[in-house]
Amino acid sequence: MMLVICCLCAVCLVGLTHIGEASVSRARADAVADVVALAGVGHGQLGARQVAEASQAALLSFDQTGPSAIQVTVQLGSVRSTAAADALGAEFPDELGTVGNPNYQNQPR
């Protein structure tokens, strides 16, 4: 009986280890996709590709989704992840409040 319990515990431990590894791989791929998307907004497709390669990932797609918005898909190991970024900068509507807006109030939004 004790041997059965030990074997069952070992199987559960192996299963949890695989789940943990998959979660870490997914989180890494998501983080790389976010950074690559931000690099793409600032430096275009070449910048996105360079950041992906520096992160040991492959840039699978780079799509311009708006005037200053992009969406990228990267593959890190066996995990694919997609992220989007937008460079709003001075394009924020006045009602959101900016320093250039005469009605600006330095309050949390």
PDB file of N, CA and C in Angstrom:
ATOM      1  N   MET A   1       0.818  -1.194   0.000  1.00  0.00           N
ATOM      2  CA  MET A   1       0.000   0.000   0.000  1.00  0.00           C
ATOM      3  C   MET A   1       0.865   1.263   0.000  1.00  0.00           C
ATOM      4  N   MET A   2       1.917   1.240   0.813  1.00  0.00           N
ATOM      5  CA  MET A   2       2.814   2.388   0.890  1.00  0.00           C
ATOM      6  C   MET A   2       3.506   2.627  -0.449  1.00  0.00           C
ATOM      7  N   LEU A   3       3.849   1.564  -1.148  1.00  0.00           N
ATOM      8  CA  LEU A   3       4.498   1.680  -2.451  1.00  0.00           C
ATOM      9  C   LEU A   3       3.561   2.339  -3.461  1.00  0.00           C
ATOM     10  N   VAL A   4       2.304   2.009  -3.424  1.00  0.00           N
ATOM     11  CA  VAL A   4       1.311   2.606  -4.331  1.00  0.00           C
ATOM     12  C   VAL A   4       1.191   4.104  -4.062  1.00  0.00           C
ATOM     13  N   ILE A   5       1.161   4.487  -2.807  1.00  0.00           N
ATOM     14  CA  ILE A   5       1.059   5.905  -2.447  1.00  0.00           C
ATOM     15  C   ILE A   5       2.298   6.660  -2.915  1.00  0.00           C
ATOM     16  N   CYS A   6       3.471   6.075  -2.728  1.00  0.00           N
ATOM     17  CA  CYS A   6       4.713   6.715  -3.175  1.00  0.00           C
ATOM     18  C   CYS A   6       4.733   6.880  -4.696  1.00  0.00           C
ATOM     19  N   CYS A   7       4.299   5.867  -5.416  1.00  0.00           N
ATOM     20  CA  CYS A   7       4.253   5.948  -6.884  1.00  0.00           C
ATOM     21  C   CYS A   7       3.268   7.016  -7.337  1.00  0.00           C
ATOM     22  N   LEU A   8       2.135   7.087  -6.683  1.00  0.00           N
ATOM     23  CA  LEU A   8       1.130   8.091  -7.025  1.00  0.00           C
ATOM     24  C   LEU A   8       1.659   9.500  -6.766  1.00  0.00           C
ATOM     25  N   CYS A   9       2.355   9.678  -5.666  1.00  0.00           N
ATOM     26  CA  CYS A   9       2.959  10.981  -5.361  1.00  0.00           C
ATOM     27  C   CYS A   9       4.011  11.354  -6.401  1.00  0.00           C
ATOM     28  N   ALA A  10       4.810  10.391  -6.825  1.00  0.00           N
ATOM     29  CA  ALA A  10       5.836  10.653  -7.836  1.00  0.00           C
ATOM     30  C   ALA A  10       5.206  11.068  -9.162  1.00  0.00           C
ATOM     31  N   VAL A  11       4.145  10.395  -9.559  1.00  0.00           N
ATOM     32  CA  VAL A  11       3.454  10.747 -10.806  1.00  0.00           C
ATOM     33  C   VAL A  11       2.877  12.158 -10.712  1.00  0.00           C
ATOM     34  N   CYS A  12       2.283  12.492  -9.583  1.00  0.00           N
ATOM     35  CA  CYS A  12       1.728  13.837  -9.397  1.00  0.00           C
ATOM     36  C   CYS A  12       2.826  14.895  -9.439  1.00  0.00           C
ATOM     37  N   LEU A  13       3.958  14.609  -8.832  1.00  0.00           N
ATOM     38  CA  LEU A  13       5.072  15.548  -8.820  1.00  0.00           C
ATOM     39  C   LEU A  13       5.600  15.800 -10.227  1.00  0.00           C
ATOM     40  N   VAL A  14       5.732  14.750 -11.016  1.00  0.00           N
ATOM     41  CA  VAL A  14       6.185  14.900 -12.402  1.00  0.00           C
ATOM     42  C   VAL A  14       5.181  15.736 -13.194  1.00  0.00           C
ATOM     43  N   GLY A  15       3.906  15.485 -13.002  1.00  0.00           N
ATOM     44  CA  GLY A  15       2.870  16.255 -13.694  1.00  0.00           C
ATOM     45  C   GLY A  15       2.904  17.725 -13.330  1.00  0.00           C
ATOM     46  N   LEU A  16       3.061  18.024 -12.046  1.00  0.00           N
ATOM     47  CA  LEU A  16       3.137  19.415 -11.610  1.00  0.00           C
ATOM     48  C   LEU A  16       4.381  20.108 -12.149  1.00  0.00           C
ATOM     49  N   THR A  17       5.471  19.374 -12.258  1.00  0.00           N
ATOM     50  CA  THR A  17       6.694  19.942 -12.818  1.00  0.00           C
ATOM     51  C   THR A  17       6.477  20.355 -14.264  1.00  0.00           C
ATOM     52  N   HIS A  18       5.816  19.523 -15.043  1.00  0.00           N
ATOM     53  CA  HIS A  18       5.549  19.857 -16.446  1.00  0.00           C
ATOM     54  C   HIS A  18       4.618  21.060 -16.561  1.00  0.00           C
ATOM     55  N   ILE A  19       3.631  21.140 -15.699  1.00  0.00           N
ATOM     56  CA  ILE A  19       2.724  22.289 -15.708  1.00  0.00           C
ATOM     57  C   ILE A  19       3.494  23.564 -15.368  1.00  0.00           C
ATOM     58  N   GLY A  20       4.374  23.492 -14.402  1.00  0.00           N
ATOM     59  CA  GLY A  20       5.187  24.650 -14.027  1.00  0.00           C
ATOM     60  C   GLY A  20       6.102  25.098 -15.147  1.00  0.00           C
ATOM     61  N   GLU A  21       6.738  24.146 -15.816  1.00  0.00           N
ATOM     62  CA  GLU A  21       7.613  24.483 -16.939  1.00  0.00           C
ATOM     63  C   GLU A  21       6.830  25.153 -18.059  1.00  0.00           C
ATOM     64  N   ALA A  22       5.645  24.669 -18.340  1.00  0.00           N
ATOM     65  CA  ALA A  22       4.816  25.259 -19.393  1.00  0.00           C
ATOM     66  C   ALA A  22       4.407  26.684 -19.024  1.00  0.00           C
ATOM     67  N   SER A  23       4.095  26.913 -17.765  1.00  0.00           N
ATOM     68  CA  SER A  23       3.708  28.255 -17.318  1.00  0.00           C
ATOM     69  C   SER A  23       4.868  29.235 -17.442  1.00  0.00           C
ATOM     70  N   VAL A  24       6.053  28.805 -17.062  1.00  0.00           N
ATOM     71  CA  VAL A  24       7.232  29.660 -17.165  1.00  0.00           C
ATOM     72  C   VAL A  24       7.546  29.954 -18.626  1.00  0.00           C
ATOM     73  N   SER A  25       7.467  28.954 -19.483  1.00  0.00           N
ATOM     74  CA  SER A  25       7.728  29.162 -20.912  1.00  0.00           C
ATOM     75  C   SER A  25       6.735  30.143 -21.505  1.00  0.00           C
ATOM     76  N   ARG A  26       5.477  30.036 -21.126  1.00  0.00           N
ATOM     77  CA  ARG A  26       4.440  30.936 -21.629  1.00  0.00           C
ATOM     78  C   ARG A  26       4.698  32.364 -21.154  1.00  0.00           C
ATOM     79  N   ALA A  27       5.061  32.517 -19.894  1.00  0.00           N
ATOM     80  CA  ALA A  27       5.331  33.851 -19.351  1.00  0.00           C
ATOM     81  C   ALA A  27       6.531  34.490 -20.044  1.00  0.00           C
ATOM     82  N   ARG A  28       7.570  33.707 -20.299  1.00  0.00           N
ATOM     83  CA  ARG A  28       8.744  34.237 -21.007  1.00  0.00           C
ATOM     84  C   ARG A  28       8.378  34.677 -22.419  1.00  0.00           C
ATOM     85  N   ALA A  29       7.621  33.863 -23.127  1.00  0.00           N
ATOM     86  CA  ALA A  29       7.222  34.208 -24.494  1.00  0.00           C
ATOM     87  C   ALA A  29       6.351  35.464 -24.499  1.00  0.00           C
ATOM     88  N   ASP A  30       5.452  35.590 -23.534  1.00  0.00           N
ATOM     89  CA  ASP A  30       4.609  36.785 -23.443  1.00  0.00           C
ATOM     90  C   ASP A  30       5.450  38.032 -23.187  1.00  0.00           C
ATOM     91  N   ALA A  31       6.433  37.919 -22.297  1.00  0.00           N
ATOM     92  CA  ALA A  31       7.297  39.059 -21.994  1.00  0.00           C
ATOM     93  C   ALA A  31       8.112  39.466 -23.216  1.00  0.00           C
ATOM     94  N   VAL A  32       8.656  38.487 -23.924  1.00  0.00           N
ATOM     95  CA  VAL A  32       9.429  38.788 -25.134  1.00  0.00           C
ATOM     96  C   VAL A  32       8.536  39.443 -26.178  1.00  0.00           C
ATOM     97  N   ALA A  33       7.324  38.946 -26.357  1.00  0.00           N
ATOM     98  CA  ALA A  33       6.404  39.536 -27.334  1.00  0.00           C
ATOM     99  C   ALA A  33       6.093  40.988 -26.975  1.00  0.00           C
ATOM    100  N   ASP A  34       5.900  41.274 -25.702  1.00  0.00           N
ATOM    101  CA  ASP A  34       5.638  42.652 -25.276  1.00  0.00           C
ATOM    102  C   ASP A  34       6.809  43.569 -25.608  1.00  0.00           C
ATOM    103  N   VAL A  35       8.016  43.126 -25.296  1.00  0.00           N
ATOM    104  CA  VAL A  35       9.201  43.943 -25.552  1.00  0.00           C
ATOM    105  C   VAL A  35       9.413  44.130 -27.053  1.00  0.00           C
ATOM    106  N   VAL A  36       9.201  43.084 -27.824  1.00  0.00           N
ATOM    107  CA  VAL A  36       9.361  43.175 -29.278  1.00  0.00           C
ATOM    108  C   VAL A  36       8.332  44.145 -29.861  1.00  0.00           C
ATOM    109  N   ALA A  37       7.107  44.106 -29.360  1.00  0.00           N
ATOM    110  CA  ALA A  37       6.078  45.035 -29.845  1.00  0.00           C
ATOM    111  C   ALA A  37       6.460  46.479 -29.535  1.00  0.00           C
ATOM    112  N   LEU A  38       6.952  46.727 -28.343  1.00  0.00           N
ATOM    113  CA  LEU A  38       7.379  48.082 -27.993  1.00  0.00           C
ATOM    114  C   LEU A  38       8.556  48.533 -28.845  1.00  0.00           C
ATOM    115  N   ALA A  39       9.490  47.636 -29.095  1.00  0.00           N
ATOM    116  CA  ALA A  39      10.619  47.971 -29.969  1.00  0.00           C
ATOM    117  C   ALA A  39      10.127  48.270 -31.378  1.00  0.00           C
ATOM    118  N   GLY A  40       9.139  47.536 -31.835  1.00  0.00           N
ATOM    119  CA  GLY A  40       8.591  47.763 -33.166  1.00  0.00           C
ATOM    120  C   GLY A  40       7.922  49.109 -33.303  1.00  0.00           C
ATOM    121  N   VAL A  41       7.240  49.560 -32.253  1.00  0.00           N
ATOM    122  CA  VAL A  41       6.610  50.883 -32.295  1.00  0.00           C
ATOM    123  C   VAL A  41       7.678  51.960 -32.408  1.00  0.00           C
ATOM    124  N   GLY A  42       8.748  51.806 -31.659  1.00  0.00           N
ATOM    125  CA  GLY A  42       9.791  52.828 -31.654  1.00  0.00           C
ATOM    126  C   GLY A  42      10.762  52.753 -32.804  1.00  0.00           C
ATOM    127  N   HIS A  43      11.035  51.546 -33.298  1.00  0.00           N
ATOM    128  CA  HIS A  43      12.114  51.381 -34.272  1.00  0.00           C
ATOM    129  C   HIS A  43      11.726  50.569 -35.496  1.00  0.00           C
ATOM    130  N   GLY A  44      10.468  50.293 -35.676  1.00  0.00           N
ATOM    131  CA  GLY A  44      10.005  49.593 -36.869  1.00  0.00           C
ATOM    132  C   GLY A  44      10.319  48.104 -36.837  1.00  0.00           C
ATOM    133  N   GLN A  45      10.123  47.491 -37.993  1.00  0.00           N
ATOM    134  CA  GLN A  45      10.283  46.040 -38.087  1.00  0.00           C
ATOM    135  C   GLN A  45      11.721  45.608 -37.830  1.00  0.00           C
ATOM    136  N   LEU A  46      12.688  46.393 -38.290  1.00  0.00           N
ATOM    137  CA  LEU A  46      14.089  46.033 -38.059  1.00  0.00           C
ATOM    138  C   LEU A  46      14.400  46.017 -36.561  1.00  0.00           C
ATOM    139  N   GLY A  47      13.934  47.030 -35.838  1.00  0.00           N
ATOM    140  CA  GLY A  47      14.151  47.068 -34.391  1.00  0.00           C
ATOM    141  C   GLY A  47      13.483  45.908 -33.683  1.00  0.00           C
ATOM    142  N   ALA A  48      12.273  45.579 -34.120  1.00  0.00           N
ATOM    143  CA  ALA A  48      11.558  44.450 -33.522  1.00  0.00           C
ATOM    144  C   ALA A  48      12.307  43.150 -33.770  1.00  0.00           C
ATOM    145  N   ARG A  49      12.805  42.973 -34.984  1.00  0.00           N
ATOM    146  CA  ARG A  49      13.541  41.752 -35.318  1.00  0.00           C
ATOM    147  C   ARG A  49      14.825  41.646 -34.492  1.00  0.00           C
ATOM    148  N   GLN A  50      15.525  42.770 -34.328  1.00  0.00           N
ATOM    149  CA  GLN A  50      16.771  42.753 -33.557  1.00  0.00           C
ATOM    150  C   GLN A  50      16.512  42.394 -32.093  1.00  0.00           C
ATOM    151  N   VAL A  51      15.456  42.943 -31.515  1.00  0.00           N
ATOM    152  CA  VAL A  51      15.133  42.626 -30.120  1.00  0.00           C
ATOM    153  C   VAL A  51      14.713  41.167 -29.990  1.00  0.00           C
ATOM    154  N   ALA A  52      13.950  40.679 -30.954  1.00  0.00           N
ATOM    155  CA  ALA A  52      13.543  39.268 -30.922  1.00  0.00           C
ATOM    156  C   ALA A  52      14.764  38.358 -30.978  1.00  0.00           C
ATOM    157  N   GLU A  53      15.684  38.657 -31.886  1.00  0.00           N
ATOM    158  CA  GLU A  53      16.886  37.826 -32.005  1.00  0.00           C
ATOM    159  C   GLU A  53      17.744  37.909 -30.748  1.00  0.00           C
ATOM    160  N   ALA A  54      17.843  39.101 -30.158  1.00  0.00           N
ATOM    161  CA  ALA A  54      18.611  39.247 -28.919  1.00  0.00           C
ATOM    162  C   ALA A  54      17.974  38.457 -27.778  1.00  0.00           C
ATOM    163  N   SER A  55      16.674  38.239 -27.871  1.00  0.00           N
ATOM    164  CA  SER A  55      15.948  37.468 -26.861  1.00  0.00           C
ATOM    165  C   SER A  55      15.862  35.990 -27.216  1.00  0.00           C
ATOM    166  N   GLN A  56      16.570  35.589 -28.258  1.00  0.00           N
ATOM    167  CA  GLN A  56      16.586  34.205 -28.749  1.00  0.00           C
ATOM    168  C   GLN A  56      15.200  33.744 -29.175  1.00  0.00           C
ATOM    169  N   ALA A  57      14.440  34.666 -29.775  1.00  0.00           N
ATOM    170  CA  ALA A  57      13.105  34.359 -30.286  1.00  0.00           C
ATOM    171  C   ALA A  57      13.071  34.659 -31.777  1.00  0.00           C
ATOM    172  N   ALA A  58      12.074  34.121 -32.445  1.00  0.00           N
ATOM    173  CA  ALA A  58      11.878  34.383 -33.871  1.00  0.00           C
ATOM    174  C   ALA A  58      10.669  35.294 -34.030  1.00  0.00           C
ATOM    175  N   LEU A  59      10.825  36.345 -34.834  1.00  0.00           N
ATOM    176  CA  LEU A  59       9.707  37.231 -35.146  1.00  0.00           C
ATOM    177  C   LEU A  59       8.937  36.604 -36.295  1.00  0.00           C
ATOM    178  N   LEU A  60       7.740  36.108 -36.018  1.00  0.00           N
ATOM    179  CA  LEU A  60       6.944  35.416 -37.030  1.00  0.00           C
ATOM    180  C   LEU A  60       6.094  36.367 -37.847  1.00  0.00           C
ATOM    181  N   SER A  61       5.567  37.425 -37.211  1.00  0.00           N
ATOM    182  CA  SER A  61       4.769  38.395 -37.967  1.00  0.00           C
ATOM    183  C   SER A  61       4.900  39.774 -37.346  1.00  0.00           C
ATOM    184  N   PHE A  62       4.790  40.770 -38.203  1.00  0.00           N
ATOM    185  CA  PHE A  62       4.854  42.176 -37.813  1.00  0.00           C
ATOM    186  C   PHE A  62       3.794  42.886 -38.635  1.00  0.00           C
ATOM    187  N   ASP A  63       2.701  43.277 -37.998  1.00  0.00           N
ATOM    188  CA  ASP A  63       1.584  43.890 -38.719  1.00  0.00           C
ATOM    189  C   ASP A  63       1.323  45.295 -38.209  1.00  0.00           C
ATOM    190  N   GLN A  64       1.230  46.244 -39.143  1.00  0.00           N
ATOM    191  CA  GLN A  64       0.849  47.618 -38.807  1.00  0.00           C
ATOM    192  C   GLN A  64      -0.672  47.638 -38.700  1.00  0.00           C
ATOM    193  N   THR A  65      -1.190  47.849 -37.496  1.00  0.00           N
ATOM    194  CA  THR A  65      -2.638  47.800 -37.288  1.00  0.00           C
ATOM    195  C   THR A  65      -3.266  49.180 -37.192  1.00  0.00           C
ATOM    196  N   GLY A  66      -2.467  50.207 -37.207  1.00  0.00           N
ATOM    197  CA  GLY A  66      -2.958  51.579 -37.137  1.00  0.00           C
ATOM    198  C   GLY A  66      -1.820  52.519 -37.449  1.00  0.00           C
ATOM    199  N   PRO A  67      -2.073  53.839 -37.405  1.00  0.00           N
ATOM    200  CA  PRO A  67      -1.015  54.792 -37.750  1.00  0.00           C
ATOM    201  C   PRO A  67       0.226  54.651 -36.876  1.00  0.00           C
ATOM    202  N   SER A  68       0.026  54.327 -35.614  1.00  0.00           N
ATOM    203  CA  SER A  68       1.171  54.167 -34.712  1.00  0.00           C
ATOM    204  C   SER A  68       1.073  52.873 -33.915  1.00  0.00           C
ATOM    205  N   ALA A  69       0.303  51.922 -34.421  1.00  0.00           N
ATOM    206  CA  ALA A  69       0.071  50.673 -33.685  1.00  0.00           C
ATOM    207  C   ALA A  69       0.574  49.479 -34.482  1.00  0.00           C
ATOM    208  N   ILE A  70       1.142  48.528 -33.765  1.00  0.00           N
ATOM    209  CA  ILE A  70       1.606  47.299 -34.405  1.00  0.00           C
ATOM    210  C   ILE A  70       1.178  46.098 -33.580  1.00  0.00           C
ATOM    211  N   GLN A  71       1.209  44.952 -34.247  1.00  0.00           N
ATOM    212  CA  GLN A  71       0.965  43.673 -33.579  1.00  0.00           C
ATOM    213  C   GLN A  71       2.040  42.716 -34.056  1.00  0.00           C
ATOM    214  N   VAL A  72       2.663  42.016 -33.121  1.00  0.00           N
ATOM    215  CA  VAL A  72       3.728  41.073 -33.459  1.00  0.00           C
ATOM    216  C   VAL A  72       3.389  39.692 -32.918  1.00  0.00           C
ATOM    217  N   THR A  73       3.932  38.695 -33.584  1.00  0.00           N
ATOM    218  CA  THR A  73       3.877  37.324 -33.084  1.00  0.00           C
ATOM    219  C   THR A  73       5.303  36.808 -33.057  1.00  0.00           C
ATOM    220  N   VAL A  74       5.706  36.265 -31.919  1.00  0.00           N
ATOM    221  CA  VAL A  74       7.049  35.715 -31.772  1.00  0.00           C
ATOM    222  C   VAL A  74       6.954  34.260 -31.343  1.00  0.00           C
ATOM    223  N   GLN A  75       8.037  33.549 -31.584  1.00  0.00           N
ATOM    224  CA  GLN A  75       8.136  32.173 -31.100  1.00  0.00           C
ATOM    225  C   GLN A  75       9.417  32.054 -30.295  1.00  0.00           C
ATOM    226  N   LEU A  76       9.257  31.623 -29.058  1.00  0.00           N
ATOM    227  CA  LEU A  76      10.382  31.396 -28.161  1.00  0.00           C
ATOM    228  C   LEU A  76      10.350  29.928 -27.788  1.00  0.00           C
ATOM    229  N   GLY A  77      11.295  29.181 -28.308  1.00  0.00           N
ATOM    230  CA  GLY A  77      11.259  27.735 -28.122  1.00  0.00           C
ATOM    231  C   GLY A  77      10.070  27.175 -28.874  1.00  0.00           C
ATOM    232  N   SER A  78       9.202  26.489 -28.180  1.00  0.00           N
ATOM    233  CA  SER A  78       8.021  25.914 -28.825  1.00  0.00           C
ATOM    234  C   SER A  78       6.758  26.734 -28.568  1.00  0.00           C
ATOM    235  N   VAL A  79       6.903  27.885 -27.912  1.00  0.00           N
ATOM    236  CA  VAL A  79       5.745  28.687 -27.522  1.00  0.00           C
ATOM    237  C   VAL A  79       5.630  29.927 -28.407  1.00  0.00           C
ATOM    238  N   ARG A  80       4.434  30.149 -28.946  1.00  0.00           N
ATOM    239  CA  ARG A  80       4.144  31.358 -29.720  1.00  0.00           C
ATOM    240  C   ARG A  80       3.355  32.330 -28.854  1.00  0.00           C
ATOM    241  N   SER A  81       3.635  33.615 -29.048  1.00  0.00           N
ATOM    242  CA  SER A  81       2.906  34.635 -28.304  1.00  0.00           C
ATOM    243  C   SER A  81       2.707  35.855 -29.189  1.00  0.00           C
ATOM    244  N   THR A  82       1.571  36.507 -29.021  1.00  0.00           N
ATOM    245  CA  THR A  82       1.241  37.703 -29.788  1.00  0.00           C
ATOM    246  C   THR A  82       1.060  38.867 -28.828  1.00  0.00           C
ATOM    247  N   ALA A  83       1.560  40.040 -29.232  1.00  0.00           N
ATOM    248  CA  ALA A  83       1.402  41.249 -28.421  1.00  0.00           C
ATOM    249  C   ALA A  83       1.189  42.433 -29.352  1.00  0.00           C
ATOM    250  N   ALA A  84       0.580  43.462 -28.823  1.00  0.00           N
ATOM    251  CA  ALA A  84       0.338  44.688 -29.582  1.00  0.00           C
ATOM    252  C   ALA A  84       0.826  45.879 -28.772  1.00  0.00           C
ATOM    253  N   ALA A  85       1.225  46.924 -29.481  1.00  0.00           N
ATOM    254  CA  ALA A  85       1.659  48.156 -28.826  1.00  0.00           C
ATOM    255  C   ALA A  85       1.242  49.331 -29.693  1.00  0.00           C
ATOM    256  N   ASP A  86       1.081  50.475 -29.050  1.00  0.00           N
ATOM    257  CA  ASP A  86       0.655  51.685 -29.740  1.00  0.00           C
ATOM    258  C   ASP A  86       1.409  52.864 -29.148  1.00  0.00           C
ATOM    259  N   ALA A  87       1.953  53.697 -30.004  1.00  0.00           N
ATOM    260  CA  ALA A  87       2.659  54.894 -29.554  1.00  0.00           C
ATOM    261  C   ALA A  87       1.691  56.062 -29.605  1.00  0.00           C
ATOM    262  N   LEU A  88       1.007  56.307 -28.508  1.00  0.00           N
ATOM    263  CA  LEU A  88       0.018  57.378 -28.502  1.00  0.00           C
ATOM    264  C   LEU A  88       0.670  58.746 -28.367  1.00  0.00           C
ATOM    265  N   GLY A  89       1.613  58.881 -27.458  1.00  0.00           N
ATOM    266  CA  GLY A  89       2.307  60.151 -27.295  1.00  0.00           C
ATOM    267  C   GLY A  89       1.367  61.338 -27.211  1.00  0.00           C
ATOM    268  N   ALA A  90       1.509  62.284 -28.140  1.00  0.00           N
ATOM    269  CA  ALA A  90       0.702  63.504 -28.153  1.00  0.00           C
ATOM    270  C   ALA A  90      -0.690  63.261 -28.719  1.00  0.00           C
ATOM    271  N   GLU A  91      -1.006  62.034 -29.075  1.00  0.00           N
ATOM    272  CA  GLU A  91      -2.304  61.739 -29.659  1.00  0.00           C
ATOM    273  C   GLU A  91      -3.382  61.499 -28.608  1.00  0.00           C
ATOM    274  N   PHE A  92      -3.038  61.618 -27.312  1.00  0.00           N
ATOM    275  CA  PHE A  92      -4.061  61.472 -26.276  1.00  0.00           C
ATOM    276  C   PHE A  92      -5.120  62.546 -26.469  1.00  0.00           C
ATOM    277  N   PRO A  93      -6.375  62.197 -26.355  1.00  0.00           N
ATOM    278  CA  PRO A  93      -7.414  63.224 -26.423  1.00  0.00           C
ATOM    279  C   PRO A  93      -7.273  64.192 -25.254  1.00  0.00           C
ATOM    280  N   ASP A  94      -7.636  65.450 -25.466  1.00  0.00           N
ATOM    281  CA  ASP A  94      -7.488  66.463 -24.423  1.00  0.00           C
ATOM    282  C   ASP A  94      -8.216  66.101 -23.138  1.00  0.00           C
ATOM    283  N   GLU A  95      -9.340  65.394 -23.254  1.00  0.00           N
ATOM    284  CA  GLU A  95     -10.104  65.093 -22.042  1.00  0.00           C
ATOM    285  C   GLU A  95      -9.361  64.164 -21.090  1.00  0.00           C
ATOM    286  N   LEU A  96      -8.312  63.485 -21.571  1.00  0.00           N
ATOM    287  CA  LEU A  96      -7.535  62.636 -20.667  1.00  0.00           C
ATOM    288  C   LEU A  96      -6.607  63.467 -19.796  1.00  0.00           C
ATOM    289  N   GLY A  97      -6.319  64.683 -20.227  1.00  0.00           N
ATOM    290  CA  GLY A  97      -5.475  65.562 -19.437  1.00  0.00           C
ATOM    291  C   GLY A  97      -4.008  65.404 -19.756  1.00  0.00           C
ATOM    292  N   THR A  98      -3.426  66.442 -20.302  1.00  0.00           N
ATOM    293  CA  THR A  98      -1.995  66.479 -20.556  1.00  0.00           C
ATOM    294  C   THR A  98      -1.476  67.819 -20.079  1.00  0.00           C
ATOM    295  N   VAL A  99      -0.182  67.939 -19.932  1.00  0.00           N
ATOM    296  CA  VAL A  99       0.405  69.188 -19.462  1.00  0.00           C
ATOM    297  C   VAL A  99       0.075  70.316 -20.435  1.00  0.00           C
ATOM    298  N   GLY A 100      -0.025  70.014 -21.737  1.00  0.00           N
ATOM    299  CA  GLY A 100      -0.354  71.030 -22.730  1.00  0.00           C
ATOM    300  C   GLY A 100      -1.810  71.457 -22.709  1.00  0.00           C
ATOM    301  N   ASN A 101      -2.636  70.775 -21.975  1.00  0.00           N
ATOM    302  CA  ASN A 101      -4.057  71.092 -21.885  1.00  0.00           C
ATOM    303  C   ASN A 101      -4.250  72.142 -20.787  1.00  0.00           C
ATOM    304  N   PRO A 102      -4.876  73.294 -21.099  1.00  0.00           N
ATOM    305  CA  PRO A 102      -5.047  74.333 -20.071  1.00  0.00           C
ATOM    306  C   PRO A 102      -5.879  73.872 -18.873  1.00  0.00           C
ATOM    307  N   ASN A 103      -6.682  72.847 -19.040  1.00  0.00           N
ATOM    308  CA  ASN A 103      -7.508  72.348 -17.936  1.00  0.00           C
ATOM    309  C   ASN A 103      -6.844  71.192 -17.189  1.00  0.00           C
ATOM    310  N   TYR A 104      -5.558  71.002 -17.436  1.00  0.00           N
ATOM    311  CA  TYR A 104      -4.833  69.882 -16.841  1.00  0.00           C
ATOM    312  C   TYR A 104      -4.787  70.018 -15.328  1.00  0.00           C
ATOM    313  N   GLN A 105      -5.057  68.930 -14.648  1.00  0.00           N
ATOM    314  CA  GLN A 105      -4.912  68.874 -13.199  1.00  0.00           C
ATOM    315  C   GLN A 105      -4.072  67.652 -12.878  1.00  0.00           C
ATOM    316  N   ASN A 106      -3.075  67.842 -12.076  1.00  0.00           N
ATOM    317  CA  ASN A 106      -2.163  66.751 -11.748  1.00  0.00           C
ATOM    318  C   ASN A 106      -2.826  65.828 -10.732  1.00  0.00           C
ATOM    319  N   GLN A 107      -3.761  65.025 -11.212  1.00  0.00           N
ATOM    320  CA  GLN A 107      -4.477  64.097 -10.351  1.00  0.00           C
ATOM    321  C   GLN A 107      -4.447  62.724 -10.999  1.00  0.00           C
ATOM    322  N   PRO A 108      -4.482  61.686 -10.188  1.00  0.00           N
ATOM    323  CA  PRO A 108      -4.546  60.342 -10.774  1.00  0.00           C
ATOM    324  C   PRO A 108      -5.810  60.189 -11.603  1.00  0.00           C
ATOM    325  N   ARG A 109      -5.667  59.473 -12.699  1.00  0.00           N
ATOM    326  CA  ARG A 109      -6.829  59.250 -13.563  1.00  0.00           C
ATOM    327  C   ARG A 109      -7.433  57.912 -13.307  1.00  0.00           C
TER     328      ARG A 109
END
